[in-house]
Amino acid sequence: MCEEIDERVDAFLTRPIEGEWPYLWIDATYLKVRQGGRIVSVAVTIAVGVNTDGRREVLGMAIGPSEAETFWTDFLRGLVRRGLAGVKLVISDAHEGIKAATARVLSTT
C-alpha cells in the first residue's frame, strides 16, 4: 500500500506542467523530521499557480535543508523543466533566497 501511495505522489510531483501560469505563489514552512536517528528541521516548499483560465493548482513541492537561494533555484528550475511557463508575478514572503532565485530562473519579480 505504501509503495502505491509513493508512486502516486511521485507521479503528481513529476507530472508535466502545461499552459501558462501567470501567477505563482511560493513559500516554505519548517517541520521536524527524523533523519539518521536524530530530529532535525527541514524546509517544506510549495508552489501554487493560477493559469490563464483562473484555475489554481499545486504545481510542486519539495523538502530541503533550508530556504537558501540554491535550494529555491533548484526547486524553480525543476518546475521550469516540467513546463512551467508564462510567470508574470511571483507572490512570496520576500525571503532573500526566493527573490534571488526568482530573478535568476523566472526573470520576474
N, C-alpha and C. Protein backbone atom coordinates (compact mmCIF):
# COMPACT_ATOMS: atom_id res chain seq x y z
N MET A 1 0.82 -1.19 0.00
CA MET A 1 0.00 0.00 0.00
C MET A 1 0.87 1.26 0.00
N CYS A 2 1.92 1.31 0.83
CA CYS A 2 2.79 2.48 0.90
C CYS A 2 3.50 2.74 -0.42
N GLU A 3 3.93 1.65 -1.08
CA GLU A 3 4.59 1.80 -2.38
C GLU A 3 3.65 2.42 -3.41
N GLU A 4 2.40 2.01 -3.37
CA GLU A 4 1.39 2.55 -4.29
C GLU A 4 1.18 4.04 -4.04
N ILE A 5 1.12 4.43 -2.79
CA ILE A 5 0.97 5.84 -2.44
C ILE A 5 2.21 6.62 -2.88
N ASP A 6 3.40 6.07 -2.62
CA ASP A 6 4.64 6.73 -3.05
C ASP A 6 4.65 6.95 -4.56
N GLU A 7 4.20 5.96 -5.32
CA GLU A 7 4.16 6.08 -6.78
C GLU A 7 3.20 7.17 -7.21
N ARG A 8 2.06 7.27 -6.55
CA ARG A 8 1.08 8.30 -6.89
C ARG A 8 1.61 9.70 -6.56
N VAL A 9 2.25 9.84 -5.42
CA VAL A 9 2.81 11.13 -5.04
C VAL A 9 3.92 11.51 -6.01
N ASP A 10 4.79 10.57 -6.35
CA ASP A 10 5.86 10.84 -7.30
C ASP A 10 5.29 11.24 -8.66
N ALA A 11 4.26 10.55 -9.11
CA ALA A 11 3.63 10.88 -10.40
C ALA A 11 3.06 12.30 -10.37
N PHE A 12 2.44 12.67 -9.25
CA PHE A 12 1.88 14.02 -9.11
C PHE A 12 2.98 15.08 -9.14
N LEU A 13 4.07 14.83 -8.42
CA LEU A 13 5.14 15.81 -8.30
C LEU A 13 6.03 15.90 -9.54
N THR A 14 5.93 14.94 -10.44
CA THR A 14 6.77 14.97 -11.64
C THR A 14 5.94 15.13 -12.92
N ARG A 15 4.63 15.32 -12.78
CA ARG A 15 3.78 15.44 -13.97
C ARG A 15 4.16 16.68 -14.78
N PRO A 16 3.91 16.65 -16.08
CA PRO A 16 4.17 17.84 -16.90
C PRO A 16 3.26 19.00 -16.48
N ILE A 17 3.79 20.20 -16.55
CA ILE A 17 3.01 21.42 -16.28
C ILE A 17 2.73 22.03 -17.66
N GLU A 18 1.46 22.09 -18.01
CA GLU A 18 1.08 22.56 -19.34
C GLU A 18 0.42 23.92 -19.28
N GLY A 19 0.59 24.70 -20.33
CA GLY A 19 -0.05 26.01 -20.42
C GLY A 19 0.77 27.09 -19.72
N GLU A 20 0.16 28.25 -19.62
CA GLU A 20 0.82 29.39 -18.98
C GLU A 20 0.24 29.60 -17.59
N TRP A 21 1.13 29.96 -16.68
CA TRP A 21 0.78 30.16 -15.27
C TRP A 21 1.28 31.54 -14.85
N PRO A 22 0.49 32.60 -15.11
CA PRO A 22 0.98 33.96 -14.85
C PRO A 22 1.20 34.29 -13.37
N TYR A 23 0.52 33.60 -12.47
CA TYR A 23 0.65 33.89 -11.04
C TYR A 23 1.16 32.67 -10.31
N LEU A 24 2.20 32.88 -9.52
CA LEU A 24 2.83 31.77 -8.79
C LEU A 24 3.06 32.18 -7.34
N TRP A 25 2.45 31.43 -6.43
CA TRP A 25 2.69 31.62 -5.00
C TRP A 25 3.72 30.59 -4.57
N ILE A 26 4.78 31.03 -3.90
CA ILE A 26 5.76 30.08 -3.37
C ILE A 26 6.08 30.44 -1.93
N ASP A 27 6.24 29.42 -1.12
CA ASP A 27 6.55 29.63 0.29
C ASP A 27 7.12 28.34 0.86
N ALA A 28 7.59 28.45 2.08
CA ALA A 28 8.12 27.28 2.80
C ALA A 28 7.70 27.35 4.26
N THR A 29 7.66 26.20 4.86
CA THR A 29 7.47 26.10 6.29
C THR A 29 8.45 25.06 6.79
N TYR A 30 8.73 25.10 8.06
CA TYR A 30 9.69 24.15 8.63
C TYR A 30 8.97 23.10 9.45
N LEU A 31 9.40 21.87 9.26
CA LEU A 31 8.86 20.74 10.01
C LEU A 31 10.01 19.97 10.64
N LYS A 32 9.73 19.30 11.72
CA LYS A 32 10.70 18.41 12.36
C LYS A 32 10.55 17.02 11.77
N VAL A 33 11.68 16.42 11.36
CA VAL A 33 11.67 15.06 10.82
C VAL A 33 12.78 14.26 11.46
N ARG A 34 12.64 12.95 11.39
CA ARG A 34 13.67 12.07 11.91
C ARG A 34 14.61 11.69 10.78
N GLN A 35 15.90 11.98 10.95
CA GLN A 35 16.92 11.62 9.96
C GLN A 35 18.10 11.01 10.70
N GLY A 36 18.41 9.79 10.33
CA GLY A 36 19.55 9.12 10.95
C GLY A 36 19.48 9.05 12.46
N GLY A 37 18.29 8.84 12.99
CA GLY A 37 18.13 8.71 14.43
C GLY A 37 18.08 10.04 15.18
N ARG A 38 18.11 11.15 14.45
CA ARG A 38 18.04 12.49 15.06
C ARG A 38 16.81 13.22 14.56
N ILE A 39 16.35 14.18 15.31
CA ILE A 39 15.26 15.05 14.90
C ILE A 39 15.87 16.34 14.38
N VAL A 40 15.55 16.69 13.12
CA VAL A 40 16.09 17.90 12.51
C VAL A 40 14.96 18.69 11.86
N SER A 41 15.18 19.98 11.65
CA SER A 41 14.23 20.82 10.93
C SER A 41 14.55 20.79 9.45
N VAL A 42 13.50 20.70 8.62
CA VAL A 42 13.66 20.76 7.18
C VAL A 42 12.65 21.76 6.62
N ALA A 43 13.01 22.36 5.50
CA ALA A 43 12.11 23.29 4.81
C ALA A 43 11.23 22.50 3.85
N VAL A 44 9.94 22.70 3.94
CA VAL A 44 8.99 22.11 3.00
C VAL A 44 8.47 23.25 2.14
N THR A 45 8.80 23.22 0.85
CA THR A 45 8.42 24.29 -0.06
C THR A 45 7.24 23.84 -0.90
N ILE A 46 6.44 24.82 -1.30
CA ILE A 46 5.28 24.53 -2.15
C ILE A 46 5.12 25.66 -3.16
N ALA A 47 4.66 25.30 -4.34
CA ALA A 47 4.35 26.28 -5.38
C ALA A 47 2.91 26.06 -5.83
N VAL A 48 2.13 27.12 -5.79
CA VAL A 48 0.75 27.09 -6.24
C VAL A 48 0.63 28.12 -7.35
N GLY A 49 0.10 27.69 -8.50
CA GLY A 49 -0.05 28.60 -9.63
C GLY A 49 -1.50 28.82 -9.99
N VAL A 50 -1.73 29.93 -10.71
CA VAL A 50 -3.03 30.21 -11.30
C VAL A 50 -2.80 30.33 -12.79
N ASN A 51 -3.54 29.53 -13.58
CA ASN A 51 -3.33 29.56 -15.03
C ASN A 51 -4.19 30.64 -15.67
N THR A 52 -4.11 30.76 -16.98
CA THR A 52 -4.83 31.81 -17.69
C THR A 52 -6.34 31.64 -17.66
N ASP A 53 -6.82 30.45 -17.33
CA ASP A 53 -8.26 30.21 -17.17
C ASP A 53 -8.73 30.54 -15.75
N GLY A 54 -7.79 30.91 -14.87
CA GLY A 54 -8.14 31.21 -13.49
C GLY A 54 -8.14 30.00 -12.58
N ARG A 55 -7.69 28.85 -13.09
CA ARG A 55 -7.65 27.64 -12.26
C ARG A 55 -6.40 27.64 -11.39
N ARG A 56 -6.59 27.37 -10.11
CA ARG A 56 -5.49 27.30 -9.15
C ARG A 56 -5.11 25.84 -8.95
N GLU A 57 -3.78 25.59 -8.88
CA GLU A 57 -3.32 24.21 -8.76
C GLU A 57 -1.96 24.18 -8.05
N VAL A 58 -1.77 23.16 -7.23
CA VAL A 58 -0.46 22.92 -6.66
C VAL A 58 0.43 22.40 -7.78
N LEU A 59 1.53 23.13 -8.05
CA LEU A 59 2.42 22.76 -9.15
C LEU A 59 3.63 21.96 -8.68
N GLY A 60 4.03 22.16 -7.44
CA GLY A 60 5.19 21.43 -6.96
C GLY A 60 5.37 21.54 -5.46
N MET A 61 6.18 20.63 -4.92
CA MET A 61 6.51 20.59 -3.51
C MET A 61 7.86 19.92 -3.39
N ALA A 62 8.66 20.39 -2.46
CA ALA A 62 9.98 19.78 -2.24
C ALA A 62 10.38 19.95 -0.79
N ILE A 63 11.29 19.11 -0.36
CA ILE A 63 11.82 19.16 1.01
C ILE A 63 13.33 19.35 0.91
N GLY A 64 13.84 20.30 1.68
CA GLY A 64 15.27 20.56 1.66
C GLY A 64 15.76 21.04 3.01
N PRO A 65 17.07 21.22 3.13
CA PRO A 65 17.65 21.58 4.41
C PRO A 65 17.34 23.01 4.88
N SER A 66 17.08 23.93 3.92
CA SER A 66 16.82 25.32 4.29
C SER A 66 16.21 26.06 3.11
N GLU A 67 15.93 27.35 3.30
CA GLU A 67 15.40 28.19 2.23
C GLU A 67 16.51 28.95 1.52
N ALA A 68 17.68 28.40 1.45
CA ALA A 68 18.80 29.07 0.80
C ALA A 68 18.50 29.27 -0.69
N GLU A 69 19.16 30.25 -1.27
CA GLU A 69 18.96 30.55 -2.69
C GLU A 69 19.17 29.33 -3.58
N THR A 70 20.18 28.52 -3.26
CA THR A 70 20.46 27.34 -4.10
C THR A 70 19.29 26.36 -4.09
N PHE A 71 18.66 26.20 -2.94
CA PHE A 71 17.51 25.30 -2.86
C PHE A 71 16.34 25.84 -3.68
N TRP A 72 16.02 27.13 -3.52
CA TRP A 72 14.94 27.74 -4.29
C TRP A 72 15.23 27.68 -5.78
N THR A 73 16.49 27.92 -6.16
CA THR A 73 16.88 27.88 -7.57
C THR A 73 16.63 26.49 -8.15
N ASP A 74 17.06 25.46 -7.45
CA ASP A 74 16.83 24.08 -7.91
C ASP A 74 15.34 23.76 -8.00
N PHE A 75 14.58 24.20 -7.00
CA PHE A 75 13.14 23.97 -6.98
C PHE A 75 12.47 24.61 -8.19
N LEU A 76 12.78 25.88 -8.45
CA LEU A 76 12.17 26.59 -9.58
C LEU A 76 12.64 26.02 -10.92
N ARG A 77 13.90 25.66 -11.02
CA ARG A 77 14.39 25.04 -12.27
C ARG A 77 13.66 23.73 -12.55
N GLY A 78 13.37 22.98 -11.51
CA GLY A 78 12.61 21.75 -11.67
C GLY A 78 11.22 22.01 -12.22
N LEU A 79 10.57 23.07 -11.74
CA LEU A 79 9.25 23.43 -12.26
C LEU A 79 9.33 23.84 -13.72
N VAL A 80 10.36 24.60 -14.07
CA VAL A 80 10.54 25.03 -15.46
C VAL A 80 10.81 23.83 -16.36
N ARG A 81 11.63 22.89 -15.90
CA ARG A 81 11.89 21.67 -16.70
C ARG A 81 10.61 20.89 -16.96
N ARG A 82 9.69 20.93 -16.01
CA ARG A 82 8.42 20.23 -16.18
C ARG A 82 7.44 21.00 -17.04
N GLY A 83 7.76 22.26 -17.40
CA GLY A 83 6.92 23.02 -18.32
C GLY A 83 6.37 24.32 -17.79
N LEU A 84 6.71 24.72 -16.57
CA LEU A 84 6.21 25.99 -16.04
C LEU A 84 6.60 27.12 -16.99
N ALA A 85 5.61 27.89 -17.43
CA ALA A 85 5.86 28.99 -18.36
C ALA A 85 4.86 30.11 -18.12
N GLY A 86 5.22 31.29 -18.61
CA GLY A 86 4.31 32.43 -18.58
C GLY A 86 4.18 33.12 -17.25
N VAL A 87 5.10 32.88 -16.31
CA VAL A 87 5.01 33.51 -14.98
C VAL A 87 5.29 35.00 -15.11
N LYS A 88 4.34 35.80 -14.63
CA LYS A 88 4.49 37.26 -14.66
C LYS A 88 4.66 37.84 -13.26
N LEU A 89 4.09 37.16 -12.27
CA LEU A 89 4.15 37.66 -10.90
C LEU A 89 4.34 36.50 -9.94
N VAL A 90 5.33 36.62 -9.07
CA VAL A 90 5.57 35.63 -8.02
C VAL A 90 5.19 36.28 -6.70
N ILE A 91 4.33 35.61 -5.95
CA ILE A 91 3.89 36.10 -4.66
C ILE A 91 4.60 35.27 -3.60
N SER A 92 5.31 35.94 -2.69
CA SER A 92 6.06 35.24 -1.65
C SER A 92 6.23 36.15 -0.45
N ASP A 93 6.97 35.66 0.53
CA ASP A 93 7.26 36.46 1.72
C ASP A 93 8.52 37.31 1.55
N ALA A 94 9.02 37.42 0.34
CA ALA A 94 10.19 38.23 0.00
C ALA A 94 11.46 37.76 0.69
N HIS A 95 11.54 36.47 0.98
CA HIS A 95 12.78 35.89 1.51
C HIS A 95 13.88 36.15 0.50
N GLU A 96 15.06 36.50 0.96
CA GLU A 96 16.17 36.84 0.04
C GLU A 96 16.49 35.70 -0.92
N GLY A 97 16.43 34.46 -0.45
CA GLY A 97 16.69 33.32 -1.32
C GLY A 97 15.65 33.20 -2.42
N ILE A 98 14.39 33.45 -2.09
CA ILE A 98 13.31 33.41 -3.08
C ILE A 98 13.50 34.51 -4.11
N LYS A 99 13.77 35.72 -3.64
CA LYS A 99 13.92 36.85 -4.57
C LYS A 99 15.05 36.61 -5.56
N ALA A 100 16.17 36.13 -5.09
CA ALA A 100 17.32 35.89 -5.96
C ALA A 100 17.04 34.77 -6.95
N ALA A 101 16.46 33.67 -6.46
CA ALA A 101 16.16 32.53 -7.33
C ALA A 101 15.10 32.87 -8.37
N THR A 102 14.09 33.63 -7.96
CA THR A 102 13.03 34.04 -8.88
C THR A 102 13.59 34.90 -10.01
N ALA A 103 14.42 35.85 -9.65
CA ALA A 103 15.03 36.71 -10.68
C ALA A 103 15.90 35.89 -11.62
N ARG A 104 16.65 34.95 -11.08
CA ARG A 104 17.57 34.14 -11.89
C ARG A 104 16.83 33.17 -12.81
N VAL A 105 15.86 32.45 -12.28
CA VAL A 105 15.22 31.36 -13.02
C VAL A 105 14.02 31.82 -13.84
N LEU A 106 13.20 32.69 -13.27
CA LEU A 106 11.97 33.08 -13.95
C LEU A 106 12.04 34.47 -14.58
N SER A 107 13.10 35.20 -14.33
CA SER A 107 13.25 36.56 -14.85
C SER A 107 12.05 37.43 -14.53
N THR A 108 11.57 37.31 -13.30
CA THR A 108 10.42 38.08 -12.86
C THR A 108 10.63 38.53 -11.44
N THR A 109 9.72 39.31 -10.91
CA THR A 109 9.84 39.79 -9.53
C THR A 109 8.80 39.13 -8.66
